[in-house]
N, C-alpha and C. Protein backbone atom coordinates (compact mmCIF):
# COMPACT_ATOMS: atom_id res chain seq x y z
N UNK A 1 0.83 -1.17 0.00
CA UNK A 1 0.00 0.00 0.00
C UNK A 1 0.88 1.24 0.00
N UNK A 2 0.58 2.19 -0.86
CA UNK A 2 1.38 3.41 -0.98
C UNK A 2 1.02 4.43 0.08
N UNK A 3 1.82 5.45 0.16
CA UNK A 3 1.58 6.52 1.12
C UNK A 3 0.37 7.35 0.70
N UNK A 4 -0.34 7.87 1.67
CA UNK A 4 -1.49 8.72 1.37
C UNK A 4 -1.01 10.05 0.85
N UNK A 5 -1.75 10.59 -0.09
CA UNK A 5 -1.47 11.91 -0.62
C UNK A 5 -2.01 12.94 0.37
N UNK A 6 -1.15 13.81 0.84
CA UNK A 6 -1.53 14.79 1.84
C UNK A 6 -2.05 16.06 1.18
N UNK A 7 -3.23 16.48 1.62
CA UNK A 7 -3.82 17.75 1.18
C UNK A 7 -4.27 18.49 2.43
N UNK A 8 -4.52 19.78 2.32
CA UNK A 8 -5.04 20.50 3.50
C UNK A 8 -6.32 19.86 4.05
N UNK A 9 -7.20 19.40 3.15
CA UNK A 9 -8.44 18.77 3.59
C UNK A 9 -8.15 17.44 4.29
N UNK A 10 -7.30 16.61 3.71
CA UNK A 10 -7.02 15.31 4.34
C UNK A 10 -6.34 15.49 5.69
N UNK A 11 -5.45 16.44 5.80
CA UNK A 11 -4.77 16.69 7.08
C UNK A 11 -5.78 17.11 8.16
N UNK A 12 -6.67 18.03 7.80
CA UNK A 12 -7.67 18.51 8.77
C UNK A 12 -8.65 17.40 9.14
N UNK A 13 -9.08 16.64 8.16
CA UNK A 13 -10.02 15.55 8.42
C UNK A 13 -9.37 14.48 9.28
N UNK A 14 -8.13 14.13 8.99
CA UNK A 14 -7.43 13.12 9.80
C UNK A 14 -7.28 13.58 11.25
N UNK A 15 -6.94 14.85 11.46
CA UNK A 15 -6.81 15.38 12.83
C UNK A 15 -8.15 15.31 13.57
N UNK A 16 -9.19 15.83 12.92
CA UNK A 16 -10.51 15.85 13.57
C UNK A 16 -11.07 14.45 13.75
N UNK A 17 -10.83 13.56 12.81
CA UNK A 17 -11.30 12.18 12.93
C UNK A 17 -10.67 11.51 14.14
N UNK A 18 -9.40 11.77 14.33
CA UNK A 18 -8.70 11.22 15.49
C UNK A 18 -9.32 11.74 16.78
N UNK A 19 -9.61 13.02 16.82
CA UNK A 19 -10.17 13.63 18.02
C UNK A 19 -11.54 13.04 18.36
N UNK A 20 -12.37 12.83 17.34
CA UNK A 20 -13.71 12.28 17.60
C UNK A 20 -13.73 10.75 17.58
N UNK A 21 -12.60 10.13 17.31
CA UNK A 21 -12.50 8.68 17.40
C UNK A 21 -13.04 7.91 16.22
N UNK A 22 -12.87 8.46 15.02
CA UNK A 22 -13.33 7.78 13.81
C UNK A 22 -12.17 7.49 12.88
N UNK A 23 -12.14 6.29 12.33
CA UNK A 23 -11.21 5.97 11.26
C UNK A 23 -11.83 6.39 9.94
N UNK A 24 -11.05 6.35 8.88
CA UNK A 24 -11.58 6.75 7.57
C UNK A 24 -12.73 5.85 7.11
N UNK A 25 -12.65 4.55 7.39
CA UNK A 25 -13.75 3.65 7.00
C UNK A 25 -15.03 4.00 7.75
N UNK A 26 -14.89 4.31 9.03
CA UNK A 26 -16.06 4.71 9.82
C UNK A 26 -16.63 6.02 9.32
N UNK A 27 -15.76 6.96 9.01
CA UNK A 27 -16.20 8.25 8.49
C UNK A 27 -16.92 8.07 7.16
N UNK A 28 -16.36 7.27 6.28
CA UNK A 28 -17.00 7.01 4.99
C UNK A 28 -18.38 6.40 5.19
N UNK A 29 -18.50 5.46 6.11
CA UNK A 29 -19.80 4.83 6.37
C UNK A 29 -20.81 5.86 6.87
N UNK A 30 -20.38 6.75 7.75
CA UNK A 30 -21.28 7.80 8.24
C UNK A 30 -21.71 8.75 7.12
N UNK A 31 -20.83 8.91 6.14
CA UNK A 31 -21.15 9.77 4.99
C UNK A 31 -21.96 9.03 3.93
N UNK A 32 -22.10 7.72 4.09
CA UNK A 32 -22.87 6.93 3.13
C UNK A 32 -22.12 6.69 1.84
N UNK A 33 -20.81 6.53 1.92
CA UNK A 33 -19.99 6.29 0.73
C UNK A 33 -18.90 5.29 1.06
N UNK A 34 -18.25 4.81 0.02
CA UNK A 34 -17.13 3.89 0.23
C UNK A 34 -15.91 4.66 0.70
N UNK A 35 -14.98 3.93 1.32
CA UNK A 35 -13.76 4.60 1.76
C UNK A 35 -12.92 5.03 0.56
N UNK A 36 -13.06 4.35 -0.58
CA UNK A 36 -12.32 4.79 -1.77
C UNK A 36 -12.89 6.09 -2.32
N UNK A 37 -14.21 6.28 -2.24
CA UNK A 37 -14.82 7.54 -2.68
C UNK A 37 -14.38 8.68 -1.76
N UNK A 38 -14.38 8.43 -0.46
CA UNK A 38 -13.91 9.44 0.49
C UNK A 38 -12.47 9.81 0.19
N UNK A 39 -11.66 8.82 -0.12
CA UNK A 39 -10.26 9.07 -0.45
C UNK A 39 -10.12 9.99 -1.66
N UNK A 40 -10.98 9.81 -2.66
CA UNK A 40 -10.94 10.69 -3.83
C UNK A 40 -11.17 12.15 -3.45
N UNK A 41 -12.09 12.38 -2.53
CA UNK A 41 -12.36 13.74 -2.07
C UNK A 41 -11.20 14.29 -1.25
N UNK A 42 -10.69 13.47 -0.35
CA UNK A 42 -9.64 13.95 0.56
C UNK A 42 -8.32 14.20 -0.16
N UNK A 43 -8.06 13.47 -1.23
CA UNK A 43 -6.80 13.65 -1.95
C UNK A 43 -6.91 14.68 -3.07
N UNK A 44 -8.08 15.25 -3.26
CA UNK A 44 -8.25 16.28 -4.27
C UNK A 44 -8.48 15.76 -5.67
N UNK A 45 -8.68 14.46 -5.82
CA UNK A 45 -8.94 13.91 -7.15
C UNK A 45 -10.36 14.19 -7.61
N UNK A 46 -11.28 14.36 -6.65
CA UNK A 46 -12.66 14.77 -6.93
C UNK A 46 -13.02 15.88 -5.95
N UNK A 47 -13.81 16.80 -6.40
CA UNK A 47 -14.24 17.90 -5.53
C UNK A 47 -15.57 17.52 -4.87
N UNK A 48 -15.64 17.58 -3.53
CA UNK A 48 -16.89 17.23 -2.85
C UNK A 48 -17.98 18.27 -3.09
N UNK A 49 -19.21 17.82 -3.09
CA UNK A 49 -20.34 18.73 -3.24
C UNK A 49 -20.53 19.52 -1.94
N UNK A 50 -21.34 20.54 -2.02
CA UNK A 50 -21.65 21.32 -0.82
C UNK A 50 -22.32 20.42 0.22
N UNK A 51 -23.22 19.55 -0.21
CA UNK A 51 -23.90 18.65 0.72
C UNK A 51 -22.90 17.74 1.43
N UNK A 52 -21.92 17.23 0.72
CA UNK A 52 -20.91 16.37 1.34
C UNK A 52 -20.06 17.15 2.33
N UNK A 53 -19.65 18.36 1.95
CA UNK A 53 -18.84 19.15 2.89
C UNK A 53 -19.63 19.51 4.14
N UNK A 54 -20.93 19.77 3.99
CA UNK A 54 -21.75 20.09 5.15
C UNK A 54 -21.90 18.88 6.06
N UNK A 55 -22.10 17.70 5.48
CA UNK A 55 -22.22 16.48 6.29
C UNK A 55 -20.89 16.14 6.96
N UNK A 56 -19.81 16.29 6.23
CA UNK A 56 -18.48 16.04 6.79
C UNK A 56 -18.22 16.98 7.97
N UNK A 57 -18.56 18.24 7.78
CA UNK A 57 -18.38 19.23 8.86
C UNK A 57 -19.24 18.89 10.07
N UNK A 58 -20.45 18.44 9.83
CA UNK A 58 -21.34 18.08 10.93
C UNK A 58 -20.76 16.90 11.73
N UNK A 59 -20.33 15.87 11.04
CA UNK A 59 -19.79 14.67 11.69
C UNK A 59 -18.53 14.99 12.49
N UNK A 60 -17.66 15.84 11.91
CA UNK A 60 -16.38 16.14 12.54
C UNK A 60 -16.39 17.40 13.39
N UNK A 61 -17.57 18.00 13.55
CA UNK A 61 -17.72 19.21 14.36
C UNK A 61 -16.80 20.31 13.87
N UNK A 62 -16.89 20.57 12.57
CA UNK A 62 -16.09 21.61 11.93
C UNK A 62 -17.02 22.64 11.28
N UNK A 63 -16.48 23.77 10.91
CA UNK A 63 -17.22 24.80 10.20
C UNK A 63 -17.34 24.37 8.73
N UNK A 64 -18.57 24.29 8.19
CA UNK A 64 -18.74 23.86 6.80
C UNK A 64 -17.97 24.73 5.80
N UNK A 65 -17.94 26.02 6.06
CA UNK A 65 -17.21 26.92 5.15
C UNK A 65 -15.72 26.59 5.14
N UNK A 66 -15.17 26.31 6.33
CA UNK A 66 -13.75 25.95 6.42
C UNK A 66 -13.47 24.66 5.66
N UNK A 67 -14.39 23.70 5.75
CA UNK A 67 -14.21 22.43 5.01
C UNK A 67 -14.20 22.70 3.51
N UNK A 68 -15.11 23.54 3.03
CA UNK A 68 -15.15 23.86 1.60
C UNK A 68 -13.86 24.57 1.16
N UNK A 69 -13.37 25.49 1.99
CA UNK A 69 -12.13 26.19 1.65
C UNK A 69 -10.95 25.22 1.60
N UNK A 70 -10.89 24.29 2.54
CA UNK A 70 -9.82 23.30 2.53
C UNK A 70 -9.91 22.41 1.30
N UNK A 71 -11.11 22.09 0.86
CA UNK A 71 -11.29 21.25 -0.31
C UNK A 71 -10.77 21.93 -1.59
N UNK A 72 -10.75 23.25 -1.58
CA UNK A 72 -10.30 23.99 -2.76
C UNK A 72 -8.79 24.21 -2.79
N UNK A 73 -8.13 24.03 -1.65
CA UNK A 73 -6.67 24.25 -1.60
C UNK A 73 -5.95 23.09 -2.27
N UNK A 74 -4.84 23.41 -2.88
CA UNK A 74 -4.03 22.42 -3.59
C UNK A 74 -3.23 21.56 -2.64
N UNK A 75 -2.93 20.36 -3.09
CA UNK A 75 -2.08 19.45 -2.32
C UNK A 75 -0.68 20.02 -2.22
N UNK A 76 -0.01 19.70 -1.13
CA UNK A 76 1.33 20.20 -0.90
C UNK A 76 2.35 19.19 -1.35
């Protein structure tokens, strides 16, 4: 398995997921998607919809606007 591609969104989601005690598979299940689909959003290969960013923010107790802004930032 290769290394995960780090993006501002993936870094923030990983930090918040750890705090609330969710792994990526658990987070994907709560979002109603596969972990591979979640990975596409977190790595910047697909842009999440507003509805997805709002649900992600709700689950992780984040500001929806901040999640959308992170989704637009380029990978480092």
